[in-house]
C-alpha atoms as a PDB file:
ATOM      1  CA  MET A   1     -18.613 -16.261 -32.065  1.00  0.00           C
ATOM      2  CA  LYS A   2     -20.222 -16.252 -28.611  1.00  0.00           C
ATOM      3  CA  THR A   3     -21.544 -12.888 -27.449  1.00  0.00           C
ATOM      4  CA  TRP A   4     -21.127 -11.981 -23.818  1.00  0.00           C
ATOM      5  CA  SER A   5     -24.218 -11.151 -21.830  1.00  0.00           C
ATOM      6  CA  ILE A   6     -24.660  -7.703 -20.286  1.00  0.00           C
ATOM      7  CA  THR A   7     -24.101  -9.195 -16.832  1.00  0.00           C
ATOM      8  CA  GLN A   8     -20.834 -10.784 -17.929  1.00  0.00           C
ATOM      9  CA  ARG A   9     -19.651  -7.534 -19.512  1.00  0.00           C
ATOM     10  CA  ILE A  10     -20.422  -5.463 -16.417  1.00  0.00           C
ATOM     11  CA  PHE A  11     -18.858  -8.026 -14.082  1.00  0.00           C
ATOM     12  CA  PHE A  12     -15.722  -8.245 -16.249  1.00  0.00           C
ATOM     13  CA  THR A  13     -15.441  -4.447 -16.272  1.00  0.00           C
ATOM     14  CA  CYS A  14     -15.710  -4.391 -12.475  1.00  0.00           C
ATOM     15  CA  PHE A  15     -13.112  -7.165 -12.238  1.00  0.00           C
ATOM     16  CA  LEU A  16     -10.694  -5.139 -14.369  1.00  0.00           C
ATOM     17  CA  PHE A  17     -11.324  -2.117 -12.146  1.00  0.00           C
ATOM     18  CA  VAL A  18     -10.514  -4.136  -9.020  1.00  0.00           C
ATOM     19  CA  ALA A  19      -7.465  -5.744 -10.674  1.00  0.00           C
ATOM     20  CA  ILE A  20      -6.034  -2.338 -11.657  1.00  0.00           C
ATOM     21  CA  PHE A  21      -7.236   0.001  -8.909  1.00  0.00           C
ATOM     22  CA  PHE A  22      -6.453  -2.149  -5.865  1.00  0.00           C
ATOM     23  CA  PRO A  23      -2.792  -2.845  -6.805  1.00  0.00           C
ATOM     24  CA  ALA A  24      -2.398   0.903  -7.384  1.00  0.00           C
ATOM     25  CA  ILE A  25      -3.727   1.515  -3.861  1.00  0.00           C
ATOM     26  CA  ILE A  26      -1.323  -1.099  -2.483  1.00  0.00           C
ATOM     27  CA  LEU A  27       1.634   0.498  -4.283  1.00  0.00           C
ATOM     28  CA  SER A  28       0.673   3.935  -2.972  1.00  0.00           C
ATOM     29  CA  MET A  29       0.268   2.654   0.595  1.00  0.00           C
ATOM     30  CA  GLN A  30       3.557   0.740   0.370  1.00  0.00           C
ATOM     31  CA  ASN A  31       5.421   3.882  -0.717  1.00  0.00           C
ATOM     32  CA  ALA A  32       3.807   5.909   2.061  1.00  0.00           C
ATOM     33  CA  TYR A  33       4.630   3.247   4.667  1.00  0.00           C
ATOM     34  CA  GLU A  34       8.221   2.964   3.429  1.00  0.00           C
ATOM     35  CA  ARG A  35       8.646   6.731   3.673  1.00  0.00           C
ATOM     36  CA  SER A  36       7.170   6.673   7.176  1.00  0.00           C
ATOM     37  CA  LEU A  37       9.508   3.869   8.330  1.00  0.00           C
ATOM     38  CA  THR A  38      12.509   5.539   6.725  1.00  0.00           C
ATOM     39  CA  GLN A  39      11.714   8.875   8.351  1.00  0.00           C
ATOM     40  CA  ALA A  40      11.288   7.158  11.714  1.00  0.00           C
ATOM     41  CA  LYS A  41      14.646   5.425  11.263  1.00  0.00           C
ATOM     42  CA  LYS A  42      16.312   8.732  10.370  1.00  0.00           C
ATOM     43  CA  GLU A  43      14.969  10.304  13.552  1.00  0.00           C
ATOM     44  CA  GLU A  44      16.089   7.268  15.562  1.00  0.00           C
ATOM     45  CA  LEU A  45      19.652   7.417  14.227  1.00  0.00           C
ATOM     46  CA  SER A  46      19.741  11.194  14.673  1.00  0.00           C
ATOM     47  CA  THR A  47      18.717  10.750  18.302  1.00  0.00           C
ATOM     48  CA  THR A  48      21.470   8.146  18.706  1.00  0.00           C
ATOM     49  CA  ALA A  49      24.073  10.523  17.270  1.00  0.00           C
ATOM     50  CA  PHE A  50      22.964  13.433  19.463  1.00  0.00           C
ATOM     51  CA  ALA A  51      23.023  11.151  22.517  1.00  0.00           C
ATOM     52  CA  MET A  52      26.608  10.191  21.653  1.00  0.00           C
ATOM     53  CA  ILE A  53      27.568  13.846  21.233  1.00  0.00           C
ATOM     54  CA  SER A  54      26.126  14.678  24.645  1.00  0.00           C
ATOM     55  CA  GLU A  55      28.141  11.866  26.249  1.00  0.00           C
ATOM     56  CA  PHE A  56      31.408  12.510  24.417  1.00  0.00           C
ATOM     57  CA  GLU A  57      34.282  14.252  26.222  1.00  0.00           C
ATOM     58  CA  PHE A  58      37.978  14.968  25.866  1.00  0.00           C
ATOM     59  CA  GLU A  59      40.278  14.302  28.805  1.00  0.00           C
ATOM     60  CA  ASP A  60      44.007  14.940  28.526  1.00  0.00           C
ATOM     61  CA  GLY A  61      43.736  14.935  24.738  1.00  0.00           C
ATOM     62  CA  GLN A  62      41.967  11.562  24.682  1.00  0.00           C
ATOM     63  CA  ALA A  63      38.424  10.797  23.508  1.00  0.00           C
ATOM     64  CA  VAL A  64      36.336   9.471  26.366  1.00  0.00           C
ATOM     65  CA  MET A  65      32.903   7.824  26.353  1.00  0.00           C
ATOM     66  CA  PRO A  66      31.065   6.383  29.361  1.00  0.00           C
ATOM     67  CA  PRO A  67      31.253   2.594  29.786  1.00  0.00           C
ATOM     68  CA  ARG A  68      27.482   2.323  29.386  1.00  0.00           C
ATOM     69  CA  LEU A  69      25.696   4.521  26.859  1.00  0.00           C
ATOM     70  CA  PHE A  70      22.216   6.027  26.920  1.00  0.00           C
ATOM     71  CA  VAL A  71      21.256   4.118  23.717  1.00  0.00           C
ATOM     72  CA  GLU A  72      21.019   0.557  25.011  1.00  0.00           C
ATOM     73  CA  ASP A  73      21.504  -1.132  21.619  1.00  0.00           C
ATOM     74  CA  LEU A  74      25.043   0.281  21.448  1.00  0.00           C
ATOM     75  CA  ASN A  75      25.898  -1.627  24.631  1.00  0.00           C
ATOM     76  CA  LEU A  76      24.830  -5.042  23.294  1.00  0.00           C
ATOM     77  CA  PRO A  77      27.387  -7.142  21.363  1.00  0.00           C
ATOM     78  CA  GLY A  78      26.025  -8.277  18.007  1.00  0.00           C
ATOM     79  CA  SER A  79      23.290  -5.630  17.993  1.00  0.00           C
ATOM     80  CA  ASP A  80      22.007  -4.363  14.656  1.00  0.00           C
ATOM     81  CA  LEU A  81      23.078  -0.820  15.646  1.00  0.00           C
ATOM     82  CA  VAL A  82      26.783   0.050  15.631  1.00  0.00           C
ATOM     83  CA  ALA A  83      28.541   3.406  16.065  1.00  0.00           C
ATOM     84  CA  VAL A  84      32.080   4.753  15.861  1.00  0.00           C
ATOM     85  CA  ILE A  85      33.698   8.126  16.482  1.00  0.00           C
ATOM     86  CA  LYS A  86      36.408   9.589  14.263  1.00  0.00           C
ATOM     87  CA  TRP A  87      38.708  12.460  15.114  1.00  0.00           C
ATOM     88  CA  ARG A  88      41.401  13.750  12.826  1.00  0.00           C
ATOM     89  CA  LYS A  89      40.340  11.004  10.378  1.00  0.00           C
ATOM     90  CA  GLN A  90      41.214   8.310  12.898  1.00  0.00           C
ATOM     91  CA  GLN A  91      38.806   6.041  14.715  1.00  0.00           C
ATOM     92  CA  VAL A  92      39.007   6.866  18.414  1.00  0.00           C
ATOM     93  CA  TRP A  93      36.029   4.867  19.715  1.00  0.00           C
ATOM     94  CA  GLN A  94      33.606   2.133  18.732  1.00  0.00           C
ATOM     95  CA  SER A  95      30.510   0.812  20.468  1.00  0.00           C
ATOM     96  CA  GLN A  96      30.423  -2.541  22.215  1.00  0.00           C
ATOM     97  CA  SER A  97      27.769  -3.617  19.717  1.00  0.00           C
ATOM     98  CA  SER A  98      30.568  -3.940  17.105  1.00  0.00           C
ATOM     99  CA  ILE A  99      31.658  -7.206  18.795  1.00  0.00           C
ATOM    100  CA  ASP A 100      30.550 -10.276  16.797  1.00  0.00           C
ATOM    101  CA  ASN A 101      28.967  -8.035  14.202  1.00  0.00           C
ATOM    102  CA  ASN A 102      29.078  -7.999  10.395  1.00  0.00           C
ATOM    103  CA  ILE A 103      29.001  -4.192  10.503  1.00  0.00           C
ATOM    104  CA  ASN A 104      32.784  -3.760  10.479  1.00  0.00           C
ATOM    105  CA  ALA A 105      35.421  -1.032  10.362  1.00  0.00           C
ATOM    106  CA  SER A 106      35.684  -1.105   6.560  1.00  0.00           C
ATOM    107  CA  MET A 107      32.024  -0.110   6.251  1.00  0.00           C
ATOM    108  CA  PHE A 108      32.614   2.857   8.563  1.00  0.00           C
ATOM    109  CA  ASN A 109      35.679   3.866   6.554  1.00  0.00           C
ATOM    110  CA  ILE A 110      33.572   3.892   3.386  1.00  0.00           C
ATOM    111  CA  LEU A 111      30.830   5.879   5.140  1.00  0.00           C
ATOM    112  CA  PHE A 112      33.370   8.365   6.454  1.00  0.00           C
ATOM    113  CA  ARG A 113      34.852   8.920   2.985  1.00  0.00           C
ATOM    114  CA  GLN A 114      31.391   9.398   1.470  1.00  0.00           C
ATOM    115  CA  THR A 115      30.256  11.942   4.067  1.00  0.00           C
ATOM    116  CA  ASP A 116      33.458  13.653   5.224  1.00  0.00           C
ATOM    117  CA  GLY A 117      32.830  16.804   3.208  1.00  0.00           C
ATOM    118  CA  HIS A 118      29.657  17.940   4.969  1.00  0.00           C
ATOM    119  CA  SER A 119      29.545  20.771   7.479  1.00  0.00           C
ATOM    120  CA  PRO A 120      28.709  20.347  11.188  1.00  0.00           C
ATOM    121  CA  GLN A 121      25.350  21.999  10.567  1.00  0.00           C
ATOM    122  CA  ASN A 122      24.258  19.143   8.292  1.00  0.00           C
ATOM    123  CA  THR A 123      23.278  15.600   9.161  1.00  0.00           C
ATOM    124  CA  ILE A 124      23.857  13.062   6.391  1.00  0.00           C
ATOM    125  CA  PHE A 125      21.396  10.163   6.309  1.00  0.00           C
ATOM    126  CA  LEU A 126      21.683   7.297   3.822  1.00  0.00           C
ATOM    127  CA  SER A 127      18.788   4.861   3.493  1.00  0.00           C
ATOM    128  CA  ASP A 128      20.633   2.472   1.149  1.00  0.00           C
ATOM    129  CA  PHE A 129      24.228   2.568   2.301  1.00  0.00           C
ATOM    130  CA  ASN A 130      26.358  -0.345   1.009  1.00  0.00           C
ATOM    131  CA  GLU A 131      24.564  -1.553  -2.152  1.00  0.00           C
ATOM    132  CA  ASP A 132      25.601  -5.221  -1.752  1.00  0.00           C
ATOM    133  CA  ASP A 133      24.017  -5.400   1.708  1.00  0.00           C
ATOM    134  CA  PRO A 134      21.904  -2.254   2.257  1.00  0.00           C
ATOM    135  CA  HIS A 135      22.011  -0.587   5.682  1.00  0.00           C
ATOM    136  CA  PHE A 136      20.819   2.658   7.167  1.00  0.00           C
ATOM    137  CA  ALA A 137      23.683   5.021   7.909  1.00  0.00           C
ATOM    138  CA  LEU A 138      24.039   8.455   9.457  1.00  0.00           C
ATOM    139  CA  SER A 139      26.935  10.845   9.825  1.00  0.00           C
ATOM    140  CA  LYS A 140      26.928  13.823  12.172  1.00  0.00           C
ATOM    141  CA  LYS A 141      29.753  16.231  12.946  1.00  0.00           C
ATOM    142  CA  ALA A 142      30.207  18.309  16.069  1.00  0.00           C
ATOM    143  CA  GLU A 143      32.869  20.771  17.166  1.00  0.00           C
ATOM    144  CA  PHE A 144      34.693  20.446  20.489  1.00  0.00           C
ATOM    145  CA  MET A 145      37.219  22.687  22.197  1.00  0.00           C
ATOM    146  CA  ILE A 146      40.545  20.836  22.161  1.00  0.00           C
ATOM    147  CA  ASP A 147      43.742  22.522  23.334  1.00  0.00           C
ATOM    148  CA  GLY A 148      42.145  25.925  22.973  1.00  0.00           C
ATOM    149  CA  GLU A 149      40.853  25.318  19.419  1.00  0.00           C
ATOM    150  CA  PHE A 150      37.613  23.990  17.976  1.00  0.00           C
ATOM    151  CA  GLU A 151      38.033  20.697  16.171  1.00  0.00           C
ATOM    152  CA  GLN A 152      35.516  18.584  14.316  1.00  0.00           C
ATOM    153  CA  VAL A 153      34.579  15.135  15.584  1.00  0.00           C
ATOM    154  CA  THR A 154      32.539  12.806  13.366  1.00  0.00           C
ATOM    155  CA  PHE A 155      29.915  10.469  14.814  1.00  0.00           C
ATOM    156  CA  LEU A 156      28.973   7.596  12.498  1.00  0.00           C
ATOM    157  CA  VAL A 157      26.050   5.228  13.024  1.00  0.00           C
ATOM    158  CA  ILE A 158      25.106   2.190  10.914  1.00  0.00           C
ATOM    159  CA  ASN A 159      21.940   0.178  11.382  1.00  0.00           C
ATOM    160  CA  ASN A 160      21.081  -3.189   9.818  1.00  0.00           C
ATOM    161  CA  LYS A 161      17.882  -3.118   7.724  1.00  0.00           C
ATOM    162  CA  GLN A 162      16.619  -6.576   8.719  1.00  0.00           C
ATOM    163  CA  VAL A 163      14.116  -5.261  11.262  1.00  0.00           C
ATOM    164  CA  TYR A 164      12.946  -2.592   8.802  1.00  0.00           C
ATOM    165  CA  GLU A 165      12.527  -5.141   6.016  1.00  0.00           C
ATOM    166  CA  GLY A 166      10.724  -7.496   8.396  1.00  0.00           C
ATOM    167  CA  GLU A 167       8.243  -4.783   9.399  1.00  0.00           C
ATOM    168  CA  LEU A 168       7.714  -3.804   5.776  1.00  0.00           C
ATOM    169  CA  SER A 169       7.208  -7.441   4.713  1.00  0.00           C
ATOM    170  CA  THR A 170       4.699  -8.035   7.524  1.00  0.00           C
ATOM    171  CA  PHE A 171       2.794  -4.883   6.599  1.00  0.00           C
ATOM    172  CA  MET A 172       2.687  -5.806   2.899  1.00  0.00           C
ATOM    173  CA  ASN A 173       1.542  -9.385   3.584  1.00  0.00           C
ATOM    174  CA  ARG A 174      -1.285  -8.127   5.794  1.00  0.00           C
ATOM    175  CA  LEU A 175      -2.169  -5.413   3.291  1.00  0.00           C
ATOM    176  CA  TRP A 176      -2.352  -7.872   0.387  1.00  0.00           C
ATOM    177  CA  GLY A 177      -4.471 -10.194   2.518  1.00  0.00           C
ATOM    178  CA  TRP A 178      -6.965  -7.485   3.488  1.00  0.00           C
ATOM    179  CA  ILE A 179      -7.078  -6.094  -0.050  1.00  0.00           C
ATOM    180  CA  ALA A 180      -7.702  -9.583  -1.452  1.00  0.00           C
ATOM    181  CA  VAL A 181     -10.550 -10.147   1.008  1.00  0.00           C
ATOM    182  CA  LEU A 182     -11.953  -6.693   0.258  1.00  0.00           C
ATOM    183  CA  GLY A 183     -11.731  -7.363  -3.491  1.00  0.00           C
ATOM    184  CA  LEU A 184     -13.572 -10.679  -3.176  1.00  0.00           C
ATOM    185  CA  VAL A 185     -16.260  -9.090  -0.992  1.00  0.00           C
ATOM    186  CA  LEU A 186     -16.642  -6.235  -3.473  1.00  0.00           C
ATOM    187  CA  LEU A 187     -16.945  -8.592  -6.437  1.00  0.00           C
ATOM    188  CA  GLY A 188     -19.462 -10.665  -4.482  1.00  0.00           C
ATOM    189  CA  LEU A 189     -21.552  -7.568  -3.740  1.00  0.00           C
ATOM    190  CA  ILE A 190     -21.356  -6.540  -7.396  1.00  0.00           C
ATOM    191  CA  ALA A 191     -22.537 -10.020  -8.454  1.00  0.00           C
ATOM    192  CA  LEU A 192     -25.468  -9.840  -6.014  1.00  0.00           C
ATOM    193  CA  SER A 193     -26.298  -6.324  -7.199  1.00  0.00           C
ATOM    194  CA  LEU A 194     -26.284  -7.399 -10.846  1.00  0.00           C
ATOM    195  CA  ARG A 195     -28.500 -10.352  -9.960  1.00  0.00           C
ATOM    196  CA  SER A 196     -31.003  -8.069  -8.199  1.00  0.00           C
ATOM    197  CA  VAL A 197     -30.883  -5.507 -11.025  1.00  0.00           C
ATOM    198  CA  PHE A 198     -31.517  -7.999 -13.816  1.00  0.00           C
ATOM    199  CA  MET A 199     -34.025 -10.141 -11.906  1.00  0.00           C
ATOM    200  CA  PRO A 200     -37.009  -7.937 -12.970  1.00  0.00           C
ATOM    201  CA  MET A 201     -35.841  -8.153 -16.597  1.00  0.00           C
ATOM    202  CA  LYS A 202     -35.757 -11.949 -16.374  1.00  0.00           C
ATOM    203  CA  LYS A 203     -39.217 -11.843 -14.835  1.00  0.00           C
ATOM    204  CA  ILE A 204     -40.560  -9.787 -17.750  1.00  0.00           C
ATOM    205  CA  ILE A 205     -38.967 -12.211 -20.231  1.00  0.00           C
ATOM    206  CA  ALA A 206     -40.627 -15.111 -18.386  1.00  0.00           C
ATOM    207  CA  ARG A 207     -44.029 -13.361 -18.572  1.00  0.00           C
ATOM    208  CA  ILE A 208     -43.590 -12.771 -22.312  1.00  0.00           C
ATOM    209  CA  GLY A 209     -42.938 -16.514 -22.685  1.00  0.00           C
ATOM    210  CA  GLU A 210     -46.154 -17.255 -20.795  1.00  0.00           C
ATOM    211  CA  ILE A 211     -48.040 -14.842 -23.087  1.00  0.00           C
ATOM    212  CA  GLU A 212     -46.682 -16.693 -26.142  1.00  0.00           C
ATOM    213  CA  GLU A 213     -47.911 -19.958 -24.606  1.00  0.00           C
ATOM    214  CA  GLY A 214     -51.345 -18.396 -23.985  1.00  0.00           C
ATOM    215  CA  LYS A 215     -51.149 -18.742 -20.215  1.00  0.00           C
ATOM    216  CA  VAL A 216     -51.624 -15.003 -19.593  1.00  0.00           C
ATOM    217  CA  ASP A 217     -52.693 -12.107 -21.789  1.00  0.00           C
ATOM    218  CA  THR A 218     -51.037  -9.198 -20.017  1.00  0.00           C
ATOM    219  CA  ILE A 219     -48.152  -8.349 -17.653  1.00  0.00           C
ATOM    220  CA  LYS A 220     -49.587  -7.403 -14.264  1.00  0.00           C
ATOM    221  CA  ASP A 221     -46.625  -7.852 -11.918  1.00  0.00           C
ATOM    222  CA  GLU A 222     -45.066  -4.979 -10.002  1.00  0.00           C
ATOM    223  CA  TYR A 223     -41.737  -3.808 -11.424  1.00  0.00           C
ATOM    224  CA  PRO A 224     -39.218  -1.075 -10.557  1.00  0.00           C
ATOM    225  CA  HIS A 225     -40.051   2.433 -11.710  1.00  0.00           C
ATOM    226  CA  GLU A 226     -37.450   2.272 -14.496  1.00  0.00           C
ATOM    227  CA  LEU A 227     -39.226  -0.737 -16.095  1.00  0.00           C
ATOM    228  CA  LYS A 228     -42.769   0.682 -15.914  1.00  0.00           C
ATOM    229  CA  PRO A 229     -42.558   2.297 -19.387  1.00  0.00           C
ATOM    230  CA  LEU A 230     -41.446  -1.044 -20.866  1.00  0.00           C
ATOM    231  CA  GLN A 231     -44.257  -2.888 -19.076  1.00  0.00           C
ATOM    232  CA  ASN A 232     -46.841  -0.357 -20.297  1.00  0.00           C
ATOM    233  CA  SER A 233     -45.533  -0.516 -23.870  1.00  0.00           C
ATOM    234  CA  ILE A 234     -45.716  -4.308 -23.931  1.00  0.00           C
ATOM    235  CA  ASN A 235     -49.238  -4.279 -22.490  1.00  0.00           C
ATOM    236  CA  LYS A 236     -50.341  -1.657 -25.046  1.00  0.00           C
ATOM    237  CA  LEU A 237     -48.845  -3.736 -27.822  1.00  0.00           C
ATOM    238  CA  LEU A 238     -50.642  -6.839 -26.545  1.00  0.00           C
ATOM    239  CA  ASP A 239     -53.897  -4.936 -26.207  1.00  0.00           C
ATOM    240  CA  SER A 240     -53.530  -3.522 -29.708  1.00  0.00           C
ATOM    241  CA  GLU A 241     -52.849  -6.975 -31.099  1.00  0.00           C
ATOM    242  CA  LYS A 242     -55.854  -8.359 -29.242  1.00  0.00           C
ATOM    243  CA  GLN A 243     -58.148  -5.647 -30.638  1.00  0.00           C
ATOM    244  CA  GLN A 244     -56.788  -6.255 -34.118  1.00  0.00           C
ATOM    245  CA  ARG A 245     -57.517  -9.979 -33.836  1.00  0.00           C
ATOM    246  CA  GLU A 246     -61.059  -9.226 -32.656  1.00  0.00           C
ATOM    247  CA  ARG A 247     -61.668  -6.879 -35.612  1.00  0.00           C
ATOM    248  CA  TYR A 248     -60.264  -9.454 -37.976  1.00  0.00           C
ATOM    249  CA  LYS A 249     -62.524 -12.146 -36.459  1.00  0.00           C
ATOM    250  CA  LYS A 250     -65.541  -9.866 -36.663  1.00  0.00           C
ATOM    251  CA  SER A 251     -64.778  -9.138 -40.316  1.00  0.00           C
ATOM    252  CA  LEU A 252     -64.578 -12.850 -41.070  1.00  0.00           C
ATOM    253  CA  ASP A 253     -67.918 -13.429 -39.276  1.00  0.00           C
ATOM    254  CA  ASP A 254     -69.582 -10.656 -41.337  1.00  0.00           C
ATOM    255  CA  LEU A 255     -68.307 -12.179 -44.574  1.00  0.00           C
ATOM    256  CA  ALA A 256     -69.592 -15.596 -43.537  1.00  0.00           C
ATOM    257  CA  HIS A 257     -73.121 -14.243 -43.183  1.00  0.00           C
END
């Protein structure tokens, strides 16, 4: 069975670290970015609802909205943002953006049934409304004086998630690209570091080979501080062996005489 070298073991450990740690960073950043986008969308839809409330009026018992709204997307047919107004559980207005749009009345009826029980003080925001084709949705109630009494009017807004998903996909593709580049650079730096760390060890091994071949009798090169004790020990061992050979030779010479 082949035994891995120390360099291979360290590099493999670093590779496992990169393979586990970097995806965890990506997942964390993805969740944070999703929360940020979702919060921004909630604020956007809330602003839309409040703008509608500020523009809404009753005239002669009829709901009235201006022909052109403050939120421009509601004025554009086929826009990804659609709104309706319900009073006494009946739809009394819908935005021009509902024309040529797959966000239809049935979706608003479902949203109204899901959120009808909340009080005017609460704003209901759904980030995954309509499971088959997820949309952002928001429901906000407000009270208006009608015929001398306060009555609740519900403002419903639905927003297609295509733009959101496009932004998230673009962010994730760029993030994976940068993380991949960073991982490769990191592994490259680790490989260079391991090479520089083990280079002195290879140099010592080469010198020991030269000593075995009789080319040199001691290790005189400069090495990092951590390898000095090893260098000194090898030189002492070589010196001791040399002295022992000289004593042995001297003893043989004495016996010969």
